[in-house]
Amino acid sequence: MKIQILGTGCPKCKALAATTENAAKDLGIDYEIEKVTDMAKIASFGVMMTPALVVDGKIKSVGKIPSSDEMKELLTK
């Protein structure tokens, strides 16, 4: 699974990355995480608000930090 965290590296972006990694580890998912900080790349996803979560090329969350349970659901759908 390829997970991308879209954001400039702000505290919310770091929190999203941590929540995502914890959920993936709890679920036992084999994953690769990439932090995308380049605004042009972020805009290429059509995202205008950060942080955003992209899983296998699909936008799963924009502008918020899902709870641990919500994150697990996003990673398994």
PDB file of N, CA and C in Angstrom:
ATOM      1  N   MET A   1       0.851  -1.170   0.000  1.00  0.00           N
ATOM      2  CA  MET A   1       0.000   0.000   0.000  1.00  0.00           C
ATOM      3  C   MET A   1       0.899   1.235   0.000  1.00  0.00           C
ATOM      4  N   LYS A   2       0.594   2.172  -0.881  1.00  0.00           N
ATOM      5  CA  LYS A   2       1.347   3.429  -0.912  1.00  0.00           C
ATOM      6  C   LYS A   2       0.491   4.517  -0.269  1.00  0.00           C
ATOM      7  N   ILE A   3       1.038   5.102   0.788  1.00  0.00           N
ATOM      8  CA  ILE A   3       0.347   6.155   1.525  1.00  0.00           C
ATOM      9  C   ILE A   3       1.112   7.453   1.322  1.00  0.00           C
ATOM     10  N   GLN A   4       0.391   8.504   0.943  1.00  0.00           N
ATOM     11  CA  GLN A   4       1.011   9.810   0.780  1.00  0.00           C
ATOM     12  C   GLN A   4       0.336  10.804   1.713  1.00  0.00           C
ATOM     13  N   ILE A   5       1.163  11.565   2.408  1.00  0.00           N
ATOM     14  CA  ILE A   5       0.684  12.640   3.268  1.00  0.00           C
ATOM     15  C   ILE A   5       0.979  13.939   2.520  1.00  0.00           C
ATOM     16  N   LEU A   6      -0.063  14.666   2.168  1.00  0.00           N
ATOM     17  CA  LEU A   6       0.111  15.920   1.442  1.00  0.00           C
ATOM     18  C   LEU A   6       0.049  17.068   2.428  1.00  0.00           C
ATOM     19  N   GLY A   7       1.112  17.862   2.470  1.00  0.00           N
ATOM     20  CA  GLY A   7       1.139  19.006   3.382  1.00  0.00           C
ATOM     21  C   GLY A   7       2.517  19.619   3.453  1.00  0.00           C
ATOM     22  N   THR A   8       2.583  20.783   4.040  1.00  0.00           N
ATOM     23  CA  THR A   8       3.831  21.551   4.067  1.00  0.00           C
ATOM     24  C   THR A   8       4.754  21.196   5.222  1.00  0.00           C
ATOM     25  N   GLY A   9       4.344  20.274   6.068  1.00  0.00           N
ATOM     26  CA  GLY A   9       5.161  19.907   7.220  1.00  0.00           C
ATOM     27  C   GLY A   9       4.723  20.597   8.496  1.00  0.00           C
ATOM     28  N   CYS A  10       3.524  21.151   8.490  1.00  0.00           N
ATOM     29  CA  CYS A  10       2.972  21.831   9.668  1.00  0.00           C
ATOM     30  C   CYS A  10       2.638  20.800  10.749  1.00  0.00           C
ATOM     31  N   PRO A  11       2.347  21.246  11.963  1.00  0.00           N
ATOM     32  CA  PRO A  11       1.999  20.291  13.038  1.00  0.00           C
ATOM     33  C   PRO A  11       0.834  19.357  12.685  1.00  0.00           C
ATOM     34  N   LYS A  12      -0.176  19.856  11.969  1.00  0.00           N
ATOM     35  CA  LYS A  12      -1.308  19.006  11.586  1.00  0.00           C
ATOM     36  C   LYS A  12      -0.861  17.926  10.601  1.00  0.00           C
ATOM     37  N   CYS A  13       0.053  18.288   9.696  1.00  0.00           N
ATOM     38  CA  CYS A  13       0.565  17.317   8.728  1.00  0.00           C
ATOM     39  C   CYS A  13       1.341  16.218   9.446  1.00  0.00           C
ATOM     40  N   LYS A  14       2.140  16.607  10.421  1.00  0.00           N
ATOM     41  CA  LYS A  14       2.914  15.637  11.195  1.00  0.00           C
ATOM     42  C   LYS A  14       1.988  14.738  12.015  1.00  0.00           C
ATOM     43  N   ALA A  15       0.920  15.305  12.555  1.00  0.00           N
ATOM     44  CA  ALA A  15      -0.049  14.522  13.325  1.00  0.00           C
ATOM     45  C   ALA A  15      -0.764  13.515  12.418  1.00  0.00           C
ATOM     46  N   LEU A  16      -1.108  13.943  11.195  1.00  0.00           N
ATOM     47  CA  LEU A  16      -1.751  13.027  10.251  1.00  0.00           C
ATOM     48  C   LEU A  16      -0.813  11.875   9.909  1.00  0.00           C
ATOM     49  N   ALA A  17       0.453  12.178   9.696  1.00  0.00           N
ATOM     50  CA  ALA A  17       1.434  11.138   9.378  1.00  0.00           C
ATOM     51  C   ALA A  17       1.549  10.135  10.527  1.00  0.00           C
ATOM     52  N   ALA A  18       1.613  10.636  11.756  1.00  0.00           N
ATOM     53  CA  ALA A  18       1.738   9.764  12.924  1.00  0.00           C
ATOM     54  C   ALA A  18       0.497   8.890  13.096  1.00  0.00           C
ATOM     55  N   THR A  19      -0.679   9.478  12.961  1.00  0.00           N
ATOM     56  CA  THR A  19      -1.932   8.727  13.093  1.00  0.00           C
ATOM     57  C   THR A  19      -2.022   7.651  12.020  1.00  0.00           C
ATOM     58  N   THR A  20      -1.621   8.003  10.805  1.00  0.00           N
ATOM     59  CA  THR A  20      -1.662   7.058   9.687  1.00  0.00           C
ATOM     60  C   THR A  20      -0.716   5.888   9.929  1.00  0.00           C
ATOM     61  N   GLU A  21       0.520   6.197  10.329  1.00  0.00           N
ATOM     62  CA  GLU A  21       1.504   5.138  10.579  1.00  0.00           C
ATOM     63  C   GLU A  21       1.058   4.217  11.708  1.00  0.00           C
ATOM     64  N   ASN A  22       0.527   4.784  12.788  1.00  0.00           N
ATOM     65  CA  ASN A  22       0.055   3.971  13.916  1.00  0.00           C
ATOM     66  C   ASN A  22      -1.080   3.045  13.492  1.00  0.00           C
ATOM     67  N   ALA A  23      -2.025   3.572  12.703  1.00  0.00           N
ATOM     68  CA  ALA A  23      -3.158   2.759  12.253  1.00  0.00           C
ATOM     69  C   ALA A  23      -2.683   1.638  11.333  1.00  0.00           C
ATOM     70  N   ALA A  24      -1.772   1.948  10.423  1.00  0.00           N
ATOM     71  CA  ALA A  24      -1.267   0.937   9.495  1.00  0.00           C
ATOM     72  C   ALA A  24      -0.531  -0.169  10.253  1.00  0.00           C
ATOM     73  N   LYS A  25       0.251   0.222  11.260  1.00  0.00           N
ATOM     74  CA  LYS A  25       0.974  -0.771  12.066  1.00  0.00           C
ATOM     75  C   LYS A  25      -0.007  -1.631  12.861  1.00  0.00           C
ATOM     76  N   ASP A  26      -1.026  -0.993  13.446  1.00  0.00           N
ATOM     77  CA  ASP A  26      -2.031  -1.738  14.215  1.00  0.00           C
ATOM     78  C   ASP A  26      -2.753  -2.764  13.338  1.00  0.00           C
ATOM     79  N   LEU A  27      -2.993  -2.398  12.079  1.00  0.00           N
ATOM     80  CA  LEU A  27      -3.700  -3.290  11.157  1.00  0.00           C
ATOM     81  C   LEU A  27      -2.773  -4.334  10.527  1.00  0.00           C
ATOM     82  N   GLY A  28      -1.469  -4.161  10.714  1.00  0.00           N
ATOM     83  CA  GLY A  28      -0.512  -5.099  10.132  1.00  0.00           C
ATOM     84  C   GLY A  28      -0.382  -4.947   8.625  1.00  0.00           C
ATOM     85  N   ILE A  29      -0.628  -3.751   8.131  1.00  0.00           N
ATOM     86  CA  ILE A  29      -0.571  -3.474   6.694  1.00  0.00           C
ATOM     87  C   ILE A  29       0.878  -3.268   6.265  1.00  0.00           C
ATOM     88  N   ASP A  30       1.229  -3.841   5.115  1.00  0.00           N
ATOM     89  CA  ASP A  30       2.532  -3.588   4.504  1.00  0.00           C
ATOM     90  C   ASP A  30       2.374  -2.279   3.725  1.00  0.00           C
ATOM     91  N   TYR A  31       3.089  -1.248   4.136  1.00  0.00           N
ATOM     92  CA  TYR A  31       2.888   0.064   3.527  1.00  0.00           C
ATOM     93  C   TYR A  31       4.199   0.796   3.308  1.00  0.00           C
ATOM     94  N   GLU A  32       4.105   1.781   2.430  1.00  0.00           N
ATOM     95  CA  GLU A  32       5.208   2.712   2.160  1.00  0.00           C
ATOM     96  C   GLU A  32       4.591   4.099   2.339  1.00  0.00           C
ATOM     97  N   ILE A  33       5.257   4.959   3.102  1.00  0.00           N
ATOM     98  CA  ILE A  33       4.710   6.297   3.342  1.00  0.00           C
ATOM     99  C   ILE A  33       5.609   7.345   2.694  1.00  0.00           C
ATOM    100  N   GLU A  34       4.961   8.299   2.048  1.00  0.00           N
ATOM    101  CA  GLU A  34       5.678   9.392   1.389  1.00  0.00           C
ATOM    102  C   GLU A  34       5.049  10.709   1.840  1.00  0.00           C
ATOM    103  N   LYS A  35       5.904  11.645   2.217  1.00  0.00           N
ATOM    104  CA  LYS A  35       5.420  12.969   2.591  1.00  0.00           C
ATOM    105  C   LYS A  35       5.639  13.905   1.406  1.00  0.00           C
ATOM    106  N   VAL A  36       4.536  14.430   0.874  1.00  0.00           N
ATOM    107  CA  VAL A  36       4.580  15.318  -0.290  1.00  0.00           C
ATOM    108  C   VAL A  36       4.434  16.752   0.205  1.00  0.00           C
ATOM    109  N   THR A  37       5.507  17.539   0.076  1.00  0.00           N
ATOM    110  CA  THR A  37       5.496  18.907   0.589  1.00  0.00           C
ATOM    111  C   THR A  37       5.498  19.960  -0.527  1.00  0.00           C
ATOM    112  N   ASP A  38       5.747  19.534  -1.751  1.00  0.00           N
ATOM    113  CA  ASP A  38       5.788  20.470  -2.879  1.00  0.00           C
ATOM    114  C   ASP A  38       4.367  20.899  -3.251  1.00  0.00           C
ATOM    115  N   MET A  39       4.117  22.203  -3.180  1.00  0.00           N
ATOM    116  CA  MET A  39       2.756  22.713  -3.416  1.00  0.00           C
ATOM    117  C   MET A  39       2.246  22.387  -4.818  1.00  0.00           C
ATOM    118  N   ALA A  40       3.122  22.372  -5.813  1.00  0.00           N
ATOM    119  CA  ALA A  40       2.696  22.029  -7.171  1.00  0.00           C
ATOM    120  C   ALA A  40       2.219  20.576  -7.237  1.00  0.00           C
ATOM    121  N   LYS A  41       2.934  19.689  -6.560  1.00  0.00           N
ATOM    122  CA  LYS A  41       2.523  18.281  -6.533  1.00  0.00           C
ATOM    123  C   LYS A  41       1.212  18.118  -5.777  1.00  0.00           C
ATOM    124  N   ILE A  42       1.085  18.838  -4.656  1.00  0.00           N
ATOM    125  CA  ILE A  42      -0.154  18.768  -3.871  1.00  0.00           C
ATOM    126  C   ILE A  42      -1.326  19.243  -4.728  1.00  0.00           C
ATOM    127  N   ALA A  43      -1.132  20.362  -5.433  1.00  0.00           N
ATOM    128  CA  ALA A  43      -2.190  20.903  -6.305  1.00  0.00           C
ATOM    129  C   ALA A  43      -2.523  19.932  -7.436  1.00  0.00           C
ATOM    130  N   SER A  44      -1.545  19.152  -7.891  1.00  0.00           N
ATOM    131  CA  SER A  44      -1.799  18.202  -8.986  1.00  0.00           C
ATOM    132  C   SER A  44      -2.795  17.114  -8.578  1.00  0.00           C
ATOM    133  N   PHE A  45      -2.966  16.912  -7.276  1.00  0.00           N
ATOM    134  CA  PHE A  45      -3.973  15.963  -6.780  1.00  0.00           C
ATOM    135  C   PHE A  45      -5.358  16.612  -6.746  1.00  0.00           C
ATOM    136  N   GLY A  46      -5.411  17.932  -6.963  1.00  0.00           N
ATOM    137  CA  GLY A  46      -6.681  18.650  -6.875  1.00  0.00           C
ATOM    138  C   GLY A  46      -7.009  19.041  -5.444  1.00  0.00           C
ATOM    139  N   VAL A  47      -6.014  18.970  -4.571  1.00  0.00           N
ATOM    140  CA  VAL A  47      -6.201  19.278  -3.154  1.00  0.00           C
ATOM    141  C   VAL A  47      -5.871  20.744  -2.909  1.00  0.00           C
ATOM    142  N   MET A  48      -6.795  21.462  -2.287  1.00  0.00           N
ATOM    143  CA  MET A  48      -6.573  22.874  -1.987  1.00  0.00           C
ATOM    144  C   MET A  48      -6.421  23.127  -0.489  1.00  0.00           C
ATOM    145  N   MET A  49      -6.604  22.086   0.311  1.00  0.00           N
ATOM    146  CA  MET A  49      -6.514  22.213   1.758  1.00  0.00           C
ATOM    147  C   MET A  49      -5.673  21.068   2.303  1.00  0.00           C
ATOM    148  N   THR A  50      -4.776  21.391   3.222  1.00  0.00           N
ATOM    149  CA  THR A  50      -3.950  20.341   3.816  1.00  0.00           C
ATOM    150  C   THR A  50      -4.215  20.275   5.316  1.00  0.00           C
ATOM    151  N   PRO A  51      -3.882  19.196   5.954  1.00  0.00           N
ATOM    152  CA  PRO A  51      -3.236  18.018   5.396  1.00  0.00           C
ATOM    153  C   PRO A  51      -4.228  17.148   4.627  1.00  0.00           C
ATOM    154  N   ALA A  52      -3.692  16.330   3.743  1.00  0.00           N
ATOM    155  CA  ALA A  52      -4.529  15.404   2.983  1.00  0.00           C
ATOM    156  C   ALA A  52      -3.867  14.030   2.984  1.00  0.00           C
ATOM    157  N   LEU A  53      -4.699  13.015   2.895  1.00  0.00           N
ATOM    158  CA  LEU A  53      -4.246  11.631   2.888  1.00  0.00           C
ATOM    159  C   LEU A  53      -4.612  10.999   1.554  1.00  0.00           C
ATOM    160  N   VAL A  54      -3.621  10.400   0.901  1.00  0.00           N
ATOM    161  CA  VAL A  54      -3.836   9.698  -0.358  1.00  0.00           C
ATOM    162  C   VAL A  54      -3.365   8.260  -0.163  1.00  0.00           C
ATOM    163  N   VAL A  55      -4.235   7.312  -0.500  1.00  0.00           N
ATOM    164  CA  VAL A  55      -3.898   5.894  -0.370  1.00  0.00           C
ATOM    165  C   VAL A  55      -4.024   5.253  -1.750  1.00  0.00           C
ATOM    166  N   ASP A  56      -2.913   4.709  -2.218  1.00  0.00           N
ATOM    167  CA  ASP A  56      -2.873   4.070  -3.544  1.00  0.00           C
ATOM    168  C   ASP A  56      -3.472   4.967  -4.625  1.00  0.00           C
ATOM    169  N   GLY A  57      -3.131   6.252  -4.563  1.00  0.00           N
ATOM    170  CA  GLY A  57      -3.558   7.209  -5.591  1.00  0.00           C
ATOM    171  C   GLY A  57      -4.945   7.796  -5.402  1.00  0.00           C
ATOM    172  N   LYS A  58      -5.660   7.374  -4.356  1.00  0.00           N
ATOM    173  CA  LYS A  58      -7.023   7.877  -4.110  1.00  0.00           C
ATOM    174  C   LYS A  58      -7.027   8.781  -2.885  1.00  0.00           C
ATOM    175  N   ILE A  59      -7.627   9.961  -3.026  1.00  0.00           N
ATOM    176  CA  ILE A  59      -7.733  10.898  -1.909  1.00  0.00           C
ATOM    177  C   ILE A  59      -8.736  10.338  -0.907  1.00  0.00           C
ATOM    178  N   LYS A  60      -8.298  10.189   0.347  1.00  0.00           N
ATOM    179  CA  LYS A  60      -9.158   9.618   1.390  1.00  0.00           C
ATOM    180  C   LYS A  60      -9.601  10.643   2.424  1.00  0.00           C
ATOM    181  N   SER A  61      -8.799  11.703   2.616  1.00  0.00           N
ATOM    182  CA  SER A  61      -9.119  12.698   3.643  1.00  0.00           C
ATOM    183  C   SER A  61      -8.449  14.015   3.277  1.00  0.00           C
ATOM    184  N   VAL A  62      -9.175  15.122   3.493  1.00  0.00           N
ATOM    185  CA  VAL A  62      -8.643  16.459   3.202  1.00  0.00           C
ATOM    186  C   VAL A  62      -8.993  17.413   4.332  1.00  0.00           C
ATOM    187  N   GLY A  63      -7.968  18.144   4.805  1.00  0.00           N
ATOM    188  CA  GLY A  63      -8.196  19.229   5.747  1.00  0.00           C
ATOM    189  C   GLY A  63      -8.504  18.837   7.185  1.00  0.00           C
ATOM    190  N   LYS A  64      -8.274  17.568   7.538  1.00  0.00           N
ATOM    191  CA  LYS A  64      -8.553  17.158   8.914  1.00  0.00           C
ATOM    192  C   LYS A  64      -7.657  15.986   9.281  1.00  0.00           C
ATOM    193  N   ILE A  65      -7.660  15.672  10.560  1.00  0.00           N
ATOM    194  CA  ILE A  65      -6.925  14.517  11.063  1.00  0.00           C
ATOM    195  C   ILE A  65      -7.959  13.524  11.577  1.00  0.00           C
ATOM    196  N   PRO A  66      -8.176  12.442  10.834  1.00  0.00           N
ATOM    197  CA  PRO A  66      -9.159  11.454  11.280  1.00  0.00           C
ATOM    198  C   PRO A  66      -8.725  10.807  12.601  1.00  0.00           C
ATOM    199  N   SER A  67      -9.697  10.360  13.369  1.00  0.00           N
ATOM    200  CA  SER A  67      -9.390   9.636  14.604  1.00  0.00           C
ATOM    201  C   SER A  67      -8.727   8.311  14.234  1.00  0.00           C
ATOM    202  N   SER A  68      -8.190   7.638  15.221  1.00  0.00           N
ATOM    203  CA  SER A  68      -7.534   6.351  14.987  1.00  0.00           C
ATOM    204  C   SER A  68      -8.496   5.358  14.336  1.00  0.00           C
ATOM    205  N   ASP A  69      -9.714   5.279  14.833  1.00  0.00           N
ATOM    206  CA  ASP A  69     -10.706   4.355  14.272  1.00  0.00           C
ATOM    207  C   ASP A  69     -11.080   4.745  12.841  1.00  0.00           C
ATOM    208  N   GLU A  70     -11.274   6.056  12.610  1.00  0.00           N
ATOM    209  CA  GLU A  70     -11.592   6.526  11.258  1.00  0.00           C
ATOM    210  C   GLU A  70     -10.444   6.202  10.300  1.00  0.00           C
ATOM    211  N   MET A  71      -9.220   6.368  10.787  1.00  0.00           N
ATOM    212  CA  MET A  71      -8.057   6.101   9.950  1.00  0.00           C
ATOM    213  C   MET A  71      -7.998   4.634   9.559  1.00  0.00           C
ATOM    214  N   LYS A  72      -8.254   3.752  10.510  1.00  0.00           N
ATOM    215  CA  LYS A  72      -8.238   2.320  10.209  1.00  0.00           C
ATOM    216  C   LYS A  72      -9.284   1.985   9.157  1.00  0.00           C
ATOM    217  N   GLU A  73     -10.439   2.628   9.236  1.00  0.00           N
ATOM    218  CA  GLU A  73     -11.486   2.413   8.257  1.00  0.00           C
ATOM    219  C   GLU A  73     -11.046   2.914   6.882  1.00  0.00           C
ATOM    220  N   LEU A  74     -10.403   4.097   6.843  1.00  0.00           N
ATOM    221  CA  LEU A  74      -9.936   4.647   5.561  1.00  0.00           C
ATOM    222  C   LEU A  74      -8.883   3.741   4.925  1.00  0.00           C
ATOM    223  N   LEU A  75      -8.045   3.134   5.731  1.00  0.00           N
ATOM    224  CA  LEU A  75      -6.976   2.288   5.201  1.00  0.00           C
ATOM    225  C   LEU A  75      -7.472   0.912   4.749  1.00  0.00           C
ATOM    226  N   THR A  76      -8.625   0.482   5.235  1.00  0.00           N
ATOM    227  CA  THR A  76      -9.114  -0.855   4.876  1.00  0.00           C
ATOM    228  C   THR A  76     -10.197  -0.827   3.792  1.00  0.00           C
ATOM    229  N   LYS A  77     -10.675   0.350   3.409  1.00  0.00           N
ATOM    230  CA  LYS A  77     -11.699   0.434   2.354  1.00  0.00           C
ATOM    231  C   LYS A  77     -11.068   0.532   1.000  1.00  0.00           C
TER     232      LYS A  77
END
